[in-house]
Amino acid sequence: MLDLDRFIVELDRLTTAVYFYDEIYGEQETIKILSGLSTEATRIIQRSLHNDIVMSLARLLYDGEHYKTSEATHEYLSQYNLAKKYAGYIDQELRSNRDEIAAIKKSLNVKDYRDLVLAHNDKATLTGESDHPKHKLETEVLLRILRLSRALFFGVRLKLAKERGEQSLPITDGNVYRNGVGTNFLKNIENITRQARGTH
């Protein structure tokens, strides 16, 4: 699997996570269902999902070239590296996607949030001397930047496949119906709970 394919698969996973999060934490009614089971568990799931979304977005779309350890230099699977590596395949149409992605990224505060709150636990934040930075992530904006990123690199992948004479791709065109992933989960939980209580 090419680095492009792995990147697109990660974008798809993240998109599904965003739909899931929005469906189970975006409405008071769904929160009530979860809280009825266990408020503590509800918070753990919410925090885990939230952190996964923020960390994944920062890793895929914000991180640059590489990081170093004492043993080696490790290259990020990031938009930056892929756009640099496949620059020759990014035409004007795909470049307009890249420009819009850059504009959206500028309006969000994902990397600072990730670095201070999740990754490094900045001392000033931990001691309460400074507020947690706000990342300004809204579902609509988040899905927009993920769709644009996918369209950009799927476009690159199609050109590469054509050049290499590939007849099929290990990834889909992205037209996957994800609505309902969270609500179906909640319905299953409700059914299990009813069965456990012996009600129908």
N, C-alpha and C. Protein backbone atom coordinates (compact mmCIF):
# COMPACT_ATOMS: atom_id res chain seq x y z
N MET A 1 0.84 -1.19 0.00
CA MET A 1 0.00 0.00 0.00
C MET A 1 0.88 1.25 0.00
N LEU A 2 0.61 2.14 -0.92
CA LEU A 2 1.39 3.38 -1.01
C LEU A 2 1.11 4.29 0.17
N ASP A 3 2.05 5.22 0.39
CA ASP A 3 1.84 6.22 1.45
C ASP A 3 0.55 7.01 1.20
N LEU A 4 0.24 7.29 -0.06
CA LEU A 4 -1.00 7.99 -0.41
C LEU A 4 -2.23 7.20 0.04
N ASP A 5 -2.19 5.89 -0.19
CA ASP A 5 -3.31 5.03 0.20
C ASP A 5 -3.47 5.03 1.72
N ARG A 6 -2.37 4.91 2.43
CA ARG A 6 -2.42 4.89 3.89
C ARG A 6 -2.97 6.20 4.43
N PHE A 7 -2.57 7.31 3.79
CA PHE A 7 -3.05 8.62 4.20
C PHE A 7 -4.57 8.74 3.99
N ILE A 8 -5.04 8.30 2.84
CA ILE A 8 -6.46 8.37 2.52
C ILE A 8 -7.28 7.47 3.45
N VAL A 9 -6.77 6.28 3.75
CA VAL A 9 -7.45 5.38 4.69
C VAL A 9 -7.57 6.05 6.06
N GLU A 10 -6.51 6.75 6.49
CA GLU A 10 -6.55 7.46 7.77
C GLU A 10 -7.56 8.61 7.74
N LEU A 11 -7.63 9.33 6.62
CA LEU A 11 -8.64 10.39 6.49
C LEU A 11 -10.05 9.81 6.58
N ASP A 12 -10.26 8.66 5.97
CA ASP A 12 -11.59 8.01 6.01
C ASP A 12 -11.93 7.57 7.43
N ARG A 13 -10.95 7.02 8.13
CA ARG A 13 -11.18 6.61 9.52
C ARG A 13 -11.55 7.81 10.38
N LEU A 14 -10.83 8.90 10.16
CA LEU A 14 -11.06 10.12 10.93
C LEU A 14 -12.44 10.72 10.61
N THR A 15 -12.82 10.69 9.35
CA THR A 15 -14.14 11.18 8.95
C THR A 15 -15.25 10.39 9.63
N THR A 16 -15.10 9.07 9.67
CA THR A 16 -16.08 8.23 10.35
C THR A 16 -16.13 8.57 11.84
N ALA A 17 -14.98 8.81 12.45
CA ALA A 17 -14.93 9.17 13.88
C ALA A 17 -15.66 10.49 14.13
N VAL A 18 -15.53 11.44 13.20
CA VAL A 18 -16.21 12.73 13.35
C VAL A 18 -17.73 12.55 13.29
N TYR A 19 -18.20 11.76 12.32
CA TYR A 19 -19.64 11.48 12.23
C TYR A 19 -20.13 10.80 13.51
N PHE A 20 -19.38 9.82 13.96
CA PHE A 20 -19.74 9.08 15.17
C PHE A 20 -19.84 10.02 16.37
N TYR A 21 -18.82 10.84 16.55
CA TYR A 21 -18.79 11.79 17.68
C TYR A 21 -19.99 12.74 17.61
N ASP A 22 -20.23 13.28 16.43
CA ASP A 22 -21.31 14.25 16.28
C ASP A 22 -22.67 13.63 16.56
N GLU A 23 -22.85 12.38 16.13
CA GLU A 23 -24.15 11.73 16.32
C GLU A 23 -24.41 11.33 17.76
N ILE A 24 -23.35 10.98 18.50
CA ILE A 24 -23.63 10.55 19.88
C ILE A 24 -23.42 11.66 20.90
N TYR A 25 -22.75 12.73 20.53
CA TYR A 25 -22.56 13.83 21.48
C TYR A 25 -23.11 15.17 20.99
N GLY A 26 -23.76 15.15 19.84
CA GLY A 26 -24.28 16.40 19.28
C GLY A 26 -25.70 16.73 19.68
N GLU A 27 -26.40 15.78 20.27
CA GLU A 27 -27.79 15.99 20.65
C GLU A 27 -28.01 15.65 22.12
N GLN A 28 -28.86 16.44 22.79
CA GLN A 28 -29.14 16.19 24.20
C GLN A 28 -29.76 14.80 24.41
N GLU A 29 -30.60 14.40 23.47
CA GLU A 29 -31.28 13.11 23.61
C GLU A 29 -30.30 11.94 23.61
N THR A 30 -29.32 12.00 22.70
CA THR A 30 -28.35 10.90 22.63
C THR A 30 -27.43 10.91 23.85
N ILE A 31 -27.08 12.09 24.33
CA ILE A 31 -26.25 12.19 25.54
C ILE A 31 -27.01 11.58 26.72
N LYS A 32 -28.32 11.83 26.77
CA LYS A 32 -29.16 11.30 27.85
C LYS A 32 -29.14 9.76 27.85
N ILE A 33 -29.20 9.18 26.65
CA ILE A 33 -29.18 7.71 26.53
C ILE A 33 -27.88 7.17 27.10
N LEU A 34 -26.76 7.78 26.69
CA LEU A 34 -25.45 7.33 27.17
C LEU A 34 -25.30 7.55 28.67
N SER A 35 -25.70 8.72 29.12
CA SER A 35 -25.58 9.04 30.55
C SER A 35 -26.42 8.12 31.41
N GLY A 36 -27.52 7.65 30.84
CA GLY A 36 -28.37 6.71 31.57
C GLY A 36 -27.65 5.41 31.86
N LEU A 37 -26.66 5.09 31.06
CA LEU A 37 -25.88 3.87 31.28
C LEU A 37 -24.81 4.12 32.33
N SER A 38 -24.01 5.16 32.10
CA SER A 38 -22.94 5.51 33.03
C SER A 38 -22.37 6.86 32.62
N THR A 39 -22.54 7.84 33.50
CA THR A 39 -22.02 9.18 33.21
C THR A 39 -20.51 9.15 33.06
N GLU A 40 -19.86 8.38 33.91
CA GLU A 40 -18.40 8.29 33.87
C GLU A 40 -17.92 7.68 32.56
N ALA A 41 -18.57 6.58 32.16
CA ALA A 41 -18.20 5.93 30.90
C ALA A 41 -18.45 6.86 29.73
N THR A 42 -19.55 7.61 29.77
CA THR A 42 -19.88 8.56 28.71
C THR A 42 -18.76 9.59 28.56
N ARG A 43 -18.28 10.10 29.68
CA ARG A 43 -17.20 11.10 29.63
C ARG A 43 -15.90 10.51 29.10
N ILE A 44 -15.60 9.29 29.50
CA ILE A 44 -14.36 8.63 29.04
C ILE A 44 -14.40 8.45 27.53
N ILE A 45 -15.53 7.94 27.03
CA ILE A 45 -15.67 7.73 25.58
C ILE A 45 -15.58 9.07 24.84
N GLN A 46 -16.27 10.08 25.37
CA GLN A 46 -16.26 11.40 24.71
C GLN A 46 -14.84 11.97 24.65
N ARG A 47 -14.14 11.91 25.78
CA ARG A 47 -12.77 12.47 25.84
C ARG A 47 -11.83 11.70 24.90
N SER A 48 -11.96 10.39 24.89
CA SER A 48 -11.10 9.56 24.03
C SER A 48 -11.33 9.87 22.56
N LEU A 49 -12.60 9.95 22.18
CA LEU A 49 -12.94 10.27 20.79
C LEU A 49 -12.45 11.66 20.41
N HIS A 50 -12.72 12.61 21.28
CA HIS A 50 -12.31 14.00 21.04
C HIS A 50 -10.80 14.08 20.84
N ASN A 51 -10.05 13.45 21.75
CA ASN A 51 -8.59 13.50 21.67
C ASN A 51 -8.07 12.80 20.42
N ASP A 52 -8.69 11.68 20.06
CA ASP A 52 -8.28 10.97 18.86
C ASP A 52 -8.48 11.85 17.62
N ILE A 53 -9.62 12.54 17.56
CA ILE A 53 -9.90 13.41 16.42
C ILE A 53 -8.89 14.55 16.33
N VAL A 54 -8.64 15.21 17.47
CA VAL A 54 -7.70 16.34 17.47
C VAL A 54 -6.28 15.86 17.13
N MET A 55 -5.83 14.79 17.77
CA MET A 55 -4.47 14.28 17.53
C MET A 55 -4.30 13.82 16.09
N SER A 56 -5.29 13.11 15.57
CA SER A 56 -5.19 12.60 14.19
C SER A 56 -5.17 13.74 13.19
N LEU A 57 -6.03 14.73 13.40
CA LEU A 57 -6.06 15.88 12.50
C LEU A 57 -4.72 16.61 12.51
N ALA A 58 -4.17 16.82 13.70
CA ALA A 58 -2.88 17.51 13.81
C ALA A 58 -1.78 16.70 13.13
N ARG A 59 -1.80 15.39 13.33
CA ARG A 59 -0.76 14.53 12.75
C ARG A 59 -0.84 14.52 11.23
N LEU A 60 -2.04 14.37 10.70
CA LEU A 60 -2.19 14.24 9.25
C LEU A 60 -2.06 15.56 8.50
N LEU A 61 -2.68 16.61 9.03
CA LEU A 61 -2.78 17.86 8.26
C LEU A 61 -1.86 18.98 8.73
N TYR A 62 -1.35 18.88 9.95
CA TYR A 62 -0.56 19.99 10.47
C TYR A 62 0.93 19.66 10.60
N ASP A 63 1.26 18.42 10.86
CA ASP A 63 2.67 18.09 11.06
C ASP A 63 3.45 18.23 9.77
N GLY A 64 4.73 18.57 9.93
CA GLY A 64 5.59 18.85 8.78
C GLY A 64 6.39 17.67 8.30
N GLU A 65 7.72 17.87 8.23
CA GLU A 65 8.58 16.88 7.60
C GLU A 65 8.85 15.64 8.44
N HIS A 66 9.45 15.82 9.61
CA HIS A 66 9.92 14.65 10.36
C HIS A 66 10.18 15.00 11.82
N TYR A 67 10.47 13.97 12.58
CA TYR A 67 10.96 14.17 13.94
C TYR A 67 12.15 13.24 14.14
N LYS A 68 12.99 13.61 15.08
CA LYS A 68 14.21 12.83 15.31
C LYS A 68 14.19 12.18 16.68
N THR A 69 14.72 10.97 16.72
CA THR A 69 14.98 10.31 17.98
C THR A 69 16.48 10.07 18.03
N SER A 70 16.97 9.52 19.12
CA SER A 70 18.41 9.25 19.21
C SER A 70 18.84 8.20 18.19
N GLU A 71 17.89 7.35 17.77
CA GLU A 71 18.22 6.27 16.82
C GLU A 71 18.10 6.68 15.34
N ALA A 72 17.09 7.51 15.03
CA ALA A 72 16.83 7.79 13.60
C ALA A 72 15.95 9.01 13.42
N THR A 73 15.78 9.37 12.14
CA THR A 73 14.84 10.42 11.76
C THR A 73 13.62 9.74 11.17
N HIS A 74 12.45 10.13 11.63
CA HIS A 74 11.21 9.50 11.18
C HIS A 74 10.37 10.52 10.42
N GLU A 75 9.99 10.15 9.19
CA GLU A 75 9.20 11.05 8.36
C GLU A 75 7.72 10.92 8.71
N TYR A 76 7.03 12.05 8.83
CA TYR A 76 5.60 12.05 9.11
C TYR A 76 4.80 11.60 7.89
N LEU A 77 3.71 10.89 8.14
CA LEU A 77 2.71 10.64 7.09
C LEU A 77 1.79 11.86 7.16
N SER A 78 2.20 12.92 6.49
CA SER A 78 1.50 14.20 6.63
C SER A 78 1.19 14.80 5.27
N GLN A 79 0.23 15.69 5.28
CA GLN A 79 -0.13 16.42 4.06
C GLN A 79 1.09 17.13 3.49
N TYR A 80 1.88 17.72 4.36
CA TYR A 80 3.07 18.46 3.94
C TYR A 80 4.01 17.57 3.12
N ASN A 81 4.34 16.41 3.66
CA ASN A 81 5.27 15.51 2.99
C ASN A 81 4.71 14.96 1.69
N LEU A 82 3.43 14.60 1.70
CA LEU A 82 2.83 14.05 0.48
C LEU A 82 2.72 15.11 -0.61
N ALA A 83 2.34 16.32 -0.25
CA ALA A 83 2.23 17.40 -1.24
C ALA A 83 3.60 17.71 -1.83
N LYS A 84 4.63 17.62 -1.02
CA LYS A 84 6.00 17.86 -1.49
C LYS A 84 6.46 16.72 -2.41
N LYS A 85 6.20 15.49 -1.99
CA LYS A 85 6.64 14.32 -2.75
C LYS A 85 5.92 14.21 -4.10
N TYR A 86 4.62 14.55 -4.13
CA TYR A 86 3.82 14.40 -5.35
C TYR A 86 3.46 15.74 -5.99
N ALA A 87 4.31 16.72 -5.77
CA ALA A 87 4.04 18.09 -6.26
C ALA A 87 3.76 18.11 -7.76
N GLY A 88 4.42 17.27 -8.51
CA GLY A 88 4.25 17.23 -9.97
C GLY A 88 2.86 16.79 -10.41
N TYR A 89 2.10 16.19 -9.52
CA TYR A 89 0.76 15.71 -9.85
C TYR A 89 -0.33 16.69 -9.41
N ILE A 90 0.06 17.74 -8.71
CA ILE A 90 -0.92 18.71 -8.22
C ILE A 90 -1.10 19.83 -9.24
N ASP A 91 -2.18 19.72 -10.03
CA ASP A 91 -2.47 20.72 -11.05
C ASP A 91 -3.23 21.89 -10.43
N GLN A 92 -3.68 22.81 -11.25
CA GLN A 92 -4.36 24.02 -10.76
C GLN A 92 -5.62 23.68 -9.97
N GLU A 93 -6.39 22.72 -10.46
CA GLU A 93 -7.64 22.35 -9.77
C GLU A 93 -7.34 21.78 -8.38
N LEU A 94 -6.37 20.89 -8.31
CA LEU A 94 -6.00 20.32 -7.01
C LEU A 94 -5.34 21.36 -6.12
N ARG A 95 -4.63 22.29 -6.72
CA ARG A 95 -3.99 23.36 -5.94
C ARG A 95 -5.03 24.25 -5.26
N SER A 96 -6.18 24.43 -5.90
CA SER A 96 -7.23 25.24 -5.28
C SER A 96 -7.75 24.55 -4.01
N ASN A 97 -7.80 23.20 -4.02
CA ASN A 97 -8.13 22.46 -2.80
C ASN A 97 -7.10 22.73 -1.71
N ARG A 98 -5.86 22.68 -2.11
CA ARG A 98 -4.76 22.90 -1.16
C ARG A 98 -4.83 24.30 -0.56
N ASP A 99 -5.16 25.29 -1.39
CA ASP A 99 -5.28 26.68 -0.91
C ASP A 99 -6.42 26.82 0.10
N GLU A 100 -7.55 26.15 -0.20
CA GLU A 100 -8.69 26.23 0.73
C GLU A 100 -8.37 25.51 2.04
N ILE A 101 -7.66 24.40 1.95
CA ILE A 101 -7.24 23.67 3.16
C ILE A 101 -6.36 24.59 4.01
N ALA A 102 -5.43 25.28 3.36
CA ALA A 102 -4.52 26.19 4.09
C ALA A 102 -5.30 27.30 4.79
N ALA A 103 -6.31 27.83 4.12
CA ALA A 103 -7.13 28.90 4.71
C ALA A 103 -7.90 28.39 5.93
N ILE A 104 -8.46 27.19 5.82
CA ILE A 104 -9.19 26.62 6.96
C ILE A 104 -8.23 26.35 8.12
N LYS A 105 -7.08 25.77 7.80
CA LYS A 105 -6.09 25.46 8.84
C LYS A 105 -5.70 26.71 9.62
N LYS A 106 -5.59 27.82 8.90
CA LYS A 106 -5.19 29.08 9.53
C LYS A 106 -6.24 29.55 10.54
N SER A 107 -7.51 29.22 10.28
CA SER A 107 -8.59 29.67 11.16
C SER A 107 -8.75 28.78 12.40
N LEU A 108 -8.12 27.62 12.41
CA LEU A 108 -8.24 26.69 13.53
C LEU A 108 -6.99 26.75 14.40
N ASN A 109 -7.10 26.23 15.61
CA ASN A 109 -5.96 26.26 16.51
C ASN A 109 -5.63 24.85 16.98
N VAL A 110 -5.62 23.94 16.02
CA VAL A 110 -5.49 22.53 16.36
C VAL A 110 -4.12 22.18 16.92
N LYS A 111 -3.08 22.67 16.27
CA LYS A 111 -1.74 22.24 16.69
C LYS A 111 -1.39 22.75 18.09
N ASP A 112 -1.70 24.02 18.37
CA ASP A 112 -1.44 24.55 19.71
C ASP A 112 -2.21 23.75 20.76
N TYR A 113 -3.45 23.46 20.46
CA TYR A 113 -4.28 22.70 21.39
C TYR A 113 -3.65 21.33 21.63
N ARG A 114 -3.28 20.67 20.55
CA ARG A 114 -2.67 19.34 20.66
C ARG A 114 -1.39 19.41 21.48
N ASP A 115 -0.53 20.35 21.15
CA ASP A 115 0.77 20.43 21.81
C ASP A 115 0.65 20.77 23.30
N LEU A 116 -0.20 21.73 23.62
CA LEU A 116 -0.28 22.18 25.01
C LEU A 116 -1.12 21.27 25.89
N VAL A 117 -2.26 20.85 25.39
CA VAL A 117 -3.19 20.12 26.24
C VAL A 117 -2.95 18.62 26.21
N LEU A 118 -2.69 18.08 25.03
CA LEU A 118 -2.63 16.63 24.91
C LEU A 118 -1.23 16.05 24.89
N ALA A 119 -0.34 16.65 24.13
CA ALA A 119 0.95 16.01 23.92
C ALA A 119 1.98 16.33 25.00
N HIS A 120 2.17 17.61 25.27
CA HIS A 120 3.27 18.00 26.17
C HIS A 120 2.82 18.44 27.55
N ASN A 121 1.52 18.63 27.73
CA ASN A 121 1.02 19.09 29.02
C ASN A 121 1.82 20.28 29.54
N ASP A 122 1.77 21.33 28.79
CA ASP A 122 2.45 22.57 29.12
C ASP A 122 2.24 22.95 30.59
N LYS A 123 3.33 23.26 31.29
CA LYS A 123 3.29 23.53 32.74
C LYS A 123 2.31 24.65 33.10
N ALA A 124 2.33 25.72 32.34
CA ALA A 124 1.44 26.85 32.65
C ALA A 124 -0.02 26.46 32.54
N THR A 125 -0.31 25.59 31.58
CA THR A 125 -1.69 25.11 31.42
C THR A 125 -2.07 24.19 32.57
N LEU A 126 -1.13 23.31 32.94
CA LEU A 126 -1.40 22.36 34.02
C LEU A 126 -1.62 23.06 35.36
N THR A 127 -0.87 24.11 35.61
CA THR A 127 -0.99 24.81 36.89
C THR A 127 -2.11 25.84 36.89
N GLY A 128 -2.79 25.97 35.76
CA GLY A 128 -3.92 26.89 35.68
C GLY A 128 -3.53 28.33 35.47
N GLU A 129 -2.25 28.59 35.19
CA GLU A 129 -1.81 29.97 34.95
C GLU A 129 -2.31 30.48 33.60
N SER A 130 -2.53 29.57 32.68
CA SER A 130 -3.10 29.98 31.39
C SER A 130 -4.24 29.05 31.04
N ASP A 131 -5.21 29.58 30.30
CA ASP A 131 -6.35 28.77 29.89
C ASP A 131 -5.93 27.74 28.85
N HIS A 132 -6.72 26.67 28.78
CA HIS A 132 -6.50 25.74 27.67
C HIS A 132 -6.75 26.48 26.37
N PRO A 133 -5.87 26.32 25.39
CA PRO A 133 -6.15 26.97 24.10
C PRO A 133 -7.38 26.34 23.47
N LYS A 134 -8.12 27.13 22.74
CA LYS A 134 -9.33 26.63 22.06
C LYS A 134 -8.96 26.24 20.63
N HIS A 135 -9.49 25.11 20.20
CA HIS A 135 -9.14 24.66 18.84
C HIS A 135 -10.14 25.09 17.79
N LYS A 136 -11.30 25.56 18.15
CA LYS A 136 -12.32 26.06 17.20
C LYS A 136 -12.75 25.01 16.19
N LEU A 137 -12.81 23.76 16.61
CA LEU A 137 -13.23 22.70 15.70
C LEU A 137 -14.75 22.57 15.73
N GLU A 138 -15.38 22.79 14.59
CA GLU A 138 -16.81 22.55 14.44
C GLU A 138 -16.98 21.44 13.42
N THR A 139 -18.00 20.63 13.61
CA THR A 139 -18.19 19.46 12.75
C THR A 139 -18.17 19.82 11.27
N GLU A 140 -18.92 20.84 10.90
CA GLU A 140 -19.02 21.23 9.48
C GLU A 140 -17.66 21.61 8.89
N VAL A 141 -16.89 22.39 9.65
CA VAL A 141 -15.57 22.84 9.18
C VAL A 141 -14.60 21.67 9.14
N LEU A 142 -14.67 20.83 10.16
CA LEU A 142 -13.81 19.66 10.23
C LEU A 142 -14.05 18.72 9.06
N LEU A 143 -15.32 18.46 8.77
CA LEU A 143 -15.65 17.59 7.63
C LEU A 143 -15.23 18.23 6.31
N ARG A 144 -15.34 19.54 6.21
CA ARG A 144 -14.93 20.24 4.99
C ARG A 144 -13.43 20.06 4.74
N ILE A 145 -12.63 20.26 5.77
CA ILE A 145 -11.17 20.15 5.59
C ILE A 145 -10.77 18.69 5.30
N LEU A 146 -11.47 17.75 5.88
CA LEU A 146 -11.18 16.33 5.60
C LEU A 146 -11.56 15.96 4.17
N ARG A 147 -12.72 16.46 3.72
CA ARG A 147 -13.15 16.18 2.34
C ARG A 147 -12.20 16.80 1.31
N LEU A 148 -11.79 18.03 1.58
CA LEU A 148 -10.85 18.70 0.67
C LEU A 148 -9.52 17.96 0.61
N SER A 149 -9.05 17.52 1.76
CA SER A 149 -7.78 16.79 1.82
C SER A 149 -7.88 15.47 1.07
N ARG A 150 -9.02 14.81 1.24
CA ARG A 150 -9.20 13.54 0.55
C ARG A 150 -9.28 13.74 -0.96
N ALA A 151 -10.03 14.76 -1.37
CA ALA A 151 -10.16 15.05 -2.81
C ALA A 151 -8.80 15.38 -3.42
N LEU A 152 -8.00 16.14 -2.69
CA LEU A 152 -6.66 16.50 -3.17
C LEU A 152 -5.82 15.26 -3.43
N PHE A 153 -5.73 14.39 -2.42
CA PHE A 153 -4.82 13.24 -2.55
C PHE A 153 -5.42 12.09 -3.33
N PHE A 154 -6.74 12.00 -3.39
CA PHE A 154 -7.36 11.00 -4.27
C PHE A 154 -7.10 11.41 -5.73
N GLY A 155 -7.17 12.72 -5.99
CA GLY A 155 -6.85 13.22 -7.34
C GLY A 155 -5.43 12.88 -7.74
N VAL A 156 -4.51 13.06 -6.81
CA VAL A 156 -3.10 12.70 -7.06
C VAL A 156 -2.99 11.20 -7.30
N ARG A 157 -3.69 10.42 -6.46
CA ARG A 157 -3.62 8.95 -6.56
C ARG A 157 -4.17 8.46 -7.89
N LEU A 158 -5.24 9.07 -8.40
CA LEU A 158 -5.79 8.68 -9.70
C LEU A 158 -4.78 8.92 -10.82
N LYS A 159 -4.12 10.07 -10.77
CA LYS A 159 -3.11 10.37 -11.80
C LYS A 159 -1.96 9.38 -11.75
N LEU A 160 -1.54 9.04 -10.55
CA LEU A 160 -0.45 8.08 -10.37
C LEU A 160 -0.86 6.70 -10.88
N ALA A 161 -2.11 6.30 -10.59
CA ALA A 161 -2.62 5.00 -11.03
C ALA A 161 -2.65 4.93 -12.56
N LYS A 162 -3.09 6.01 -13.17
CA LYS A 162 -3.16 6.06 -14.63
C LYS A 162 -1.76 5.94 -15.23
N GLU A 163 -0.83 6.66 -14.64
CA GLU A 163 0.56 6.63 -15.10
C GLU A 163 1.17 5.24 -14.98
N ARG A 164 0.80 4.53 -13.92
CA ARG A 164 1.36 3.20 -13.67
C ARG A 164 0.56 2.07 -14.31
N GLY A 165 -0.56 2.42 -14.95
CA GLY A 165 -1.38 1.42 -15.61
C GLY A 165 -2.15 0.52 -14.66
N GLU A 166 -2.46 1.03 -13.47
CA GLU A 166 -3.21 0.23 -12.49
C GLU A 166 -4.68 0.17 -12.91
N GLN A 167 -5.28 -1.00 -12.73
CA GLN A 167 -6.68 -1.19 -13.10
C GLN A 167 -7.64 -0.99 -11.94
N SER A 168 -7.13 -1.04 -10.72
CA SER A 168 -7.96 -0.83 -9.53
C SER A 168 -7.13 -0.18 -8.43
N LEU A 169 -7.83 0.37 -7.45
CA LEU A 169 -7.17 1.02 -6.33
C LEU A 169 -7.52 0.30 -5.03
N PRO A 170 -6.61 0.33 -4.05
CA PRO A 170 -6.92 -0.31 -2.76
C PRO A 170 -7.81 0.56 -1.88
N ILE A 171 -8.28 1.69 -2.42
CA ILE A 171 -9.13 2.62 -1.67
C ILE A 171 -10.36 2.92 -2.51
N THR A 172 -11.42 3.37 -1.84
CA THR A 172 -12.66 3.70 -2.56
C THR A 172 -12.60 5.15 -3.03
N ASP A 173 -13.63 5.54 -3.77
CA ASP A 173 -13.69 6.93 -4.24
C ASP A 173 -14.15 7.87 -3.14
N GLY A 174 -14.45 7.34 -1.96
CA GLY A 174 -14.81 8.19 -0.83
C GLY A 174 -16.29 8.40 -0.64
N ASN A 175 -17.09 7.91 -1.59
CA ASN A 175 -18.54 8.08 -1.46
C ASN A 175 -19.12 6.99 -0.55
N VAL A 176 -18.73 7.06 0.71
CA VAL A 176 -19.18 6.09 1.69
C VAL A 176 -20.25 6.75 2.55
N TYR A 177 -21.37 6.08 2.73
CA TYR A 177 -22.46 6.64 3.52
C TYR A 177 -22.17 6.37 5.00
N ARG A 178 -21.86 7.44 5.74
CA ARG A 178 -21.47 7.26 7.14
C ARG A 178 -22.55 7.69 8.12
N ASN A 179 -23.55 8.43 7.67
CA ASN A 179 -24.61 8.86 8.58
C ASN A 179 -25.25 7.64 9.21
N GLY A 180 -25.44 7.70 10.51
CA GLY A 180 -26.06 6.58 11.21
C GLY A 180 -25.09 5.73 11.99
N VAL A 181 -23.81 5.93 11.81
CA VAL A 181 -22.82 5.11 12.51
C VAL A 181 -22.96 5.28 14.03
N GLY A 182 -23.25 6.50 14.48
CA GLY A 182 -23.43 6.74 15.92
C GLY A 182 -24.80 6.34 16.41
N THR A 183 -25.84 6.68 15.62
CA THR A 183 -27.20 6.35 16.06
C THR A 183 -27.44 4.84 16.07
N ASN A 184 -26.85 4.12 15.14
CA ASN A 184 -26.97 2.66 15.15
C ASN A 184 -26.29 2.06 16.38
N PHE A 185 -25.18 2.64 16.75
CA PHE A 185 -24.46 2.22 17.97
C PHE A 185 -25.36 2.41 19.19
N LEU A 186 -26.02 3.57 19.26
CA LEU A 186 -26.90 3.86 20.40
C LEU A 186 -28.11 2.93 20.43
N LYS A 187 -28.67 2.64 19.25
CA LYS A 187 -29.81 1.73 19.18
C LYS A 187 -29.43 0.35 19.71
N ASN A 188 -28.24 -0.10 19.32
CA ASN A 188 -27.76 -1.41 19.79
C ASN A 188 -27.58 -1.41 21.31
N ILE A 189 -27.04 -0.32 21.84
CA ILE A 189 -26.87 -0.21 23.30
C ILE A 189 -28.23 -0.24 23.99
N GLU A 190 -29.20 0.50 23.44
CA GLU A 190 -30.55 0.50 24.03
C GLU A 190 -31.16 -0.89 24.02
N ASN A 191 -30.98 -1.62 22.90
CA ASN A 191 -31.52 -2.98 22.80
C ASN A 191 -30.87 -3.91 23.83
N ILE A 192 -29.57 -3.81 23.96
CA ILE A 192 -28.84 -4.64 24.93
C ILE A 192 -29.32 -4.32 26.35
N THR A 193 -29.49 -3.02 26.64
CA THR A 193 -29.94 -2.60 27.97
C THR A 193 -31.33 -3.12 28.26
N ARG A 194 -32.23 -3.03 27.28
CA ARG A 194 -33.61 -3.54 27.45
C ARG A 194 -33.60 -5.04 27.74
N GLN A 195 -32.78 -5.77 26.97
CA GLN A 195 -32.70 -7.23 27.16
C GLN A 195 -32.17 -7.57 28.55
N ALA A 196 -31.18 -6.80 28.99
CA ALA A 196 -30.59 -7.04 30.31
C ALA A 196 -31.60 -6.78 31.42
N ARG A 197 -32.49 -5.83 31.18
CA ARG A 197 -33.53 -5.53 32.18
C ARG A 197 -34.76 -6.42 32.03
N GLY A 198 -34.77 -7.21 30.98
CA GLY A 198 -35.90 -8.11 30.75
C GLY A 198 -37.13 -7.44 30.22
N THR A 199 -36.94 -6.24 29.56
CA THR A 199 -38.08 -5.53 28.96
C THR A 199 -37.98 -5.61 27.46
N HIS A 200 -39.08 -5.33 26.78
CA HIS A 200 -39.10 -5.40 25.31
C HIS A 200 -39.65 -4.12 24.73
